[in-house]
């Protein structure tokens, strides 16, 4: 079982998680990213930057 790095809520993760997968914390709504699967590590997802075609 992993915990949200923002609010420490328990996260329920399936057995088929993949590195780079995005999910949302049910408690605080923070977008999270799976950064490692063995051992499982979850961090806040980086904010997506707008691409204005530059």
N, C-alpha and C. Protein backbone atom coordinates (compact mmCIF):
# COMPACT_ATOMS: atom_id res chain seq x y z
N UNK A 1 0.85 -1.17 0.00
CA UNK A 1 0.00 0.00 0.00
C UNK A 1 0.90 1.24 0.00
N UNK A 2 0.59 2.16 -0.85
CA UNK A 2 1.33 3.41 -0.93
C UNK A 2 0.51 4.54 -0.34
N UNK A 3 1.18 5.65 -0.08
CA UNK A 3 0.50 6.81 0.47
C UNK A 3 0.71 8.01 -0.44
N UNK A 4 -0.29 8.91 -0.45
CA UNK A 4 -0.19 10.14 -1.22
C UNK A 4 0.93 10.99 -0.62
N UNK A 5 1.85 11.48 -1.46
CA UNK A 5 2.95 12.30 -0.95
C UNK A 5 2.50 13.70 -0.49
N UNK A 6 1.26 14.07 -0.82
CA UNK A 6 0.75 15.39 -0.45
C UNK A 6 -0.03 15.34 0.86
N UNK A 7 -0.98 14.39 0.96
CA UNK A 7 -1.86 14.36 2.14
C UNK A 7 -1.71 13.10 2.99
N UNK A 8 -0.84 12.18 2.60
CA UNK A 8 -0.59 10.92 3.32
C UNK A 8 -1.76 9.95 3.35
N UNK A 9 -2.76 10.16 2.49
CA UNK A 9 -3.88 9.22 2.41
C UNK A 9 -3.39 7.91 1.80
N UNK A 10 -3.97 6.80 2.21
CA UNK A 10 -3.64 5.51 1.62
C UNK A 10 -4.15 5.45 0.19
N UNK A 11 -3.31 4.97 -0.71
CA UNK A 11 -3.68 4.82 -2.12
C UNK A 11 -3.85 3.34 -2.41
N UNK A 12 -4.93 3.01 -3.11
CA UNK A 12 -5.15 1.64 -3.53
C UNK A 12 -4.67 1.52 -4.96
N UNK A 13 -3.64 0.72 -5.15
CA UNK A 13 -3.06 0.54 -6.48
C UNK A 13 -3.27 -0.90 -6.92
N UNK A 14 -3.57 -1.07 -8.19
CA UNK A 14 -3.75 -2.42 -8.74
C UNK A 14 -2.42 -3.13 -8.89
N UNK A 15 -2.48 -4.40 -9.24
CA UNK A 15 -1.27 -5.21 -9.43
C UNK A 15 -0.59 -4.92 -10.78
N UNK A 16 -1.31 -4.23 -11.67
CA UNK A 16 -0.80 -4.03 -13.02
C UNK A 16 -0.36 -2.59 -13.27
N UNK A 17 0.12 -1.90 -12.22
CA UNK A 17 0.55 -0.52 -12.40
C UNK A 17 1.82 -0.45 -13.24
N UNK A 18 1.99 0.66 -13.93
CA UNK A 18 3.15 0.86 -14.79
C UNK A 18 3.87 2.13 -14.41
N UNK A 19 5.18 2.13 -14.56
CA UNK A 19 5.97 3.33 -14.32
C UNK A 19 5.49 4.41 -15.29
N UNK A 20 5.27 5.61 -14.78
CA UNK A 20 4.79 6.72 -15.59
C UNK A 20 3.27 6.86 -15.60
N UNK A 21 2.57 5.88 -15.03
CA UNK A 21 1.11 5.93 -14.97
C UNK A 21 0.65 7.08 -14.08
N UNK A 22 -0.41 7.75 -14.49
CA UNK A 22 -0.96 8.86 -13.72
C UNK A 22 -2.22 8.41 -13.01
N UNK A 23 -2.42 8.92 -11.82
CA UNK A 23 -3.63 8.65 -11.06
C UNK A 23 -3.94 9.87 -10.21
N UNK A 24 -5.11 9.86 -9.59
CA UNK A 24 -5.52 10.99 -8.77
C UNK A 24 -5.81 10.50 -7.36
N UNK A 25 -5.35 11.26 -6.37
CA UNK A 25 -5.64 10.93 -4.97
C UNK A 25 -7.12 11.17 -4.71
N UNK A 26 -7.79 10.16 -4.15
CA UNK A 26 -9.22 10.29 -3.85
C UNK A 26 -9.48 11.30 -2.75
N UNK A 27 -8.52 11.52 -1.87
CA UNK A 27 -8.73 12.43 -0.75
C UNK A 27 -8.48 13.89 -1.11
N UNK A 28 -7.32 14.19 -1.70
CA UNK A 28 -6.97 15.60 -1.95
C UNK A 28 -7.08 16.01 -3.41
N UNK A 29 -7.24 15.04 -4.32
CA UNK A 29 -7.40 15.35 -5.73
C UNK A 29 -6.11 15.65 -6.47
N UNK A 30 -4.96 15.50 -5.83
CA UNK A 30 -3.68 15.75 -6.47
C UNK A 30 -3.42 14.71 -7.55
N UNK A 31 -2.94 15.15 -8.72
CA UNK A 31 -2.55 14.22 -9.76
C UNK A 31 -1.19 13.65 -9.40
N UNK A 32 -1.10 12.32 -9.42
CA UNK A 32 0.10 11.62 -8.99
C UNK A 32 0.65 10.78 -10.14
N UNK A 33 1.94 10.49 -10.05
CA UNK A 33 2.61 9.67 -11.06
C UNK A 33 3.35 8.53 -10.39
N UNK A 34 3.23 7.33 -10.94
CA UNK A 34 4.00 6.18 -10.48
C UNK A 34 5.42 6.38 -11.00
N UNK A 35 6.38 6.59 -10.12
CA UNK A 35 7.76 6.83 -10.55
C UNK A 35 8.63 5.59 -10.44
N UNK A 36 8.13 4.56 -9.75
CA UNK A 36 8.86 3.29 -9.63
C UNK A 36 7.84 2.21 -9.30
N UNK A 37 8.05 1.00 -9.82
CA UNK A 37 7.13 -0.09 -9.51
C UNK A 37 7.75 -1.15 -8.61
N UNK A 38 9.06 -1.14 -8.44
CA UNK A 38 9.71 -2.12 -7.56
C UNK A 38 10.90 -1.49 -6.87
N UNK A 39 10.74 -0.89 -5.72
CA UNK A 39 9.50 -0.80 -4.94
C UNK A 39 8.59 0.29 -5.52
N UNK A 40 7.32 0.21 -5.16
CA UNK A 40 6.34 1.19 -5.64
C UNK A 40 6.64 2.55 -5.02
N UNK A 41 6.76 3.55 -5.87
CA UNK A 41 6.98 4.92 -5.41
C UNK A 41 6.05 5.84 -6.19
N UNK A 42 5.37 6.71 -5.45
CA UNK A 42 4.41 7.63 -6.04
C UNK A 42 4.82 9.05 -5.68
N UNK A 43 4.84 9.94 -6.67
CA UNK A 43 5.16 11.35 -6.45
C UNK A 43 4.09 12.20 -7.10
N UNK A 44 4.02 13.46 -6.70
CA UNK A 44 3.12 14.40 -7.36
C UNK A 44 3.54 14.52 -8.82
N UNK A 45 2.57 14.46 -9.73
CA UNK A 45 2.88 14.55 -11.16
C UNK A 45 3.34 15.97 -11.48
N UNK A 46 4.32 16.10 -12.37
CA UNK A 46 4.75 17.44 -12.76
C UNK A 46 3.62 18.15 -13.49
N UNK A 47 3.53 19.46 -13.29
CA UNK A 47 2.50 20.24 -13.97
C UNK A 47 2.77 20.22 -15.46
N UNK A 48 1.74 19.98 -16.22
CA UNK A 48 1.90 19.97 -17.68
C UNK A 48 2.06 21.40 -18.17
N UNK A 49 3.05 21.60 -19.02
CA UNK A 49 3.26 22.92 -19.56
C UNK A 49 2.52 23.05 -20.87
N UNK A 50 1.93 24.20 -21.10
CA UNK A 50 1.20 24.44 -22.34
C UNK A 50 2.17 24.53 -23.51
N UNK A 51 1.82 23.89 -24.58
CA UNK A 51 2.61 23.98 -25.81
C UNK A 51 1.82 24.82 -26.79
N UNK A 52 2.25 26.01 -27.01
CA UNK A 52 1.53 26.95 -27.87
C UNK A 52 2.06 26.89 -29.29
N UNK A 53 2.61 25.74 -29.70
CA UNK A 53 3.08 25.57 -31.05
C UNK A 53 4.39 26.26 -31.32
N UNK A 54 5.17 26.45 -30.32
CA UNK A 54 6.45 27.15 -30.46
C UNK A 54 7.57 26.16 -30.61
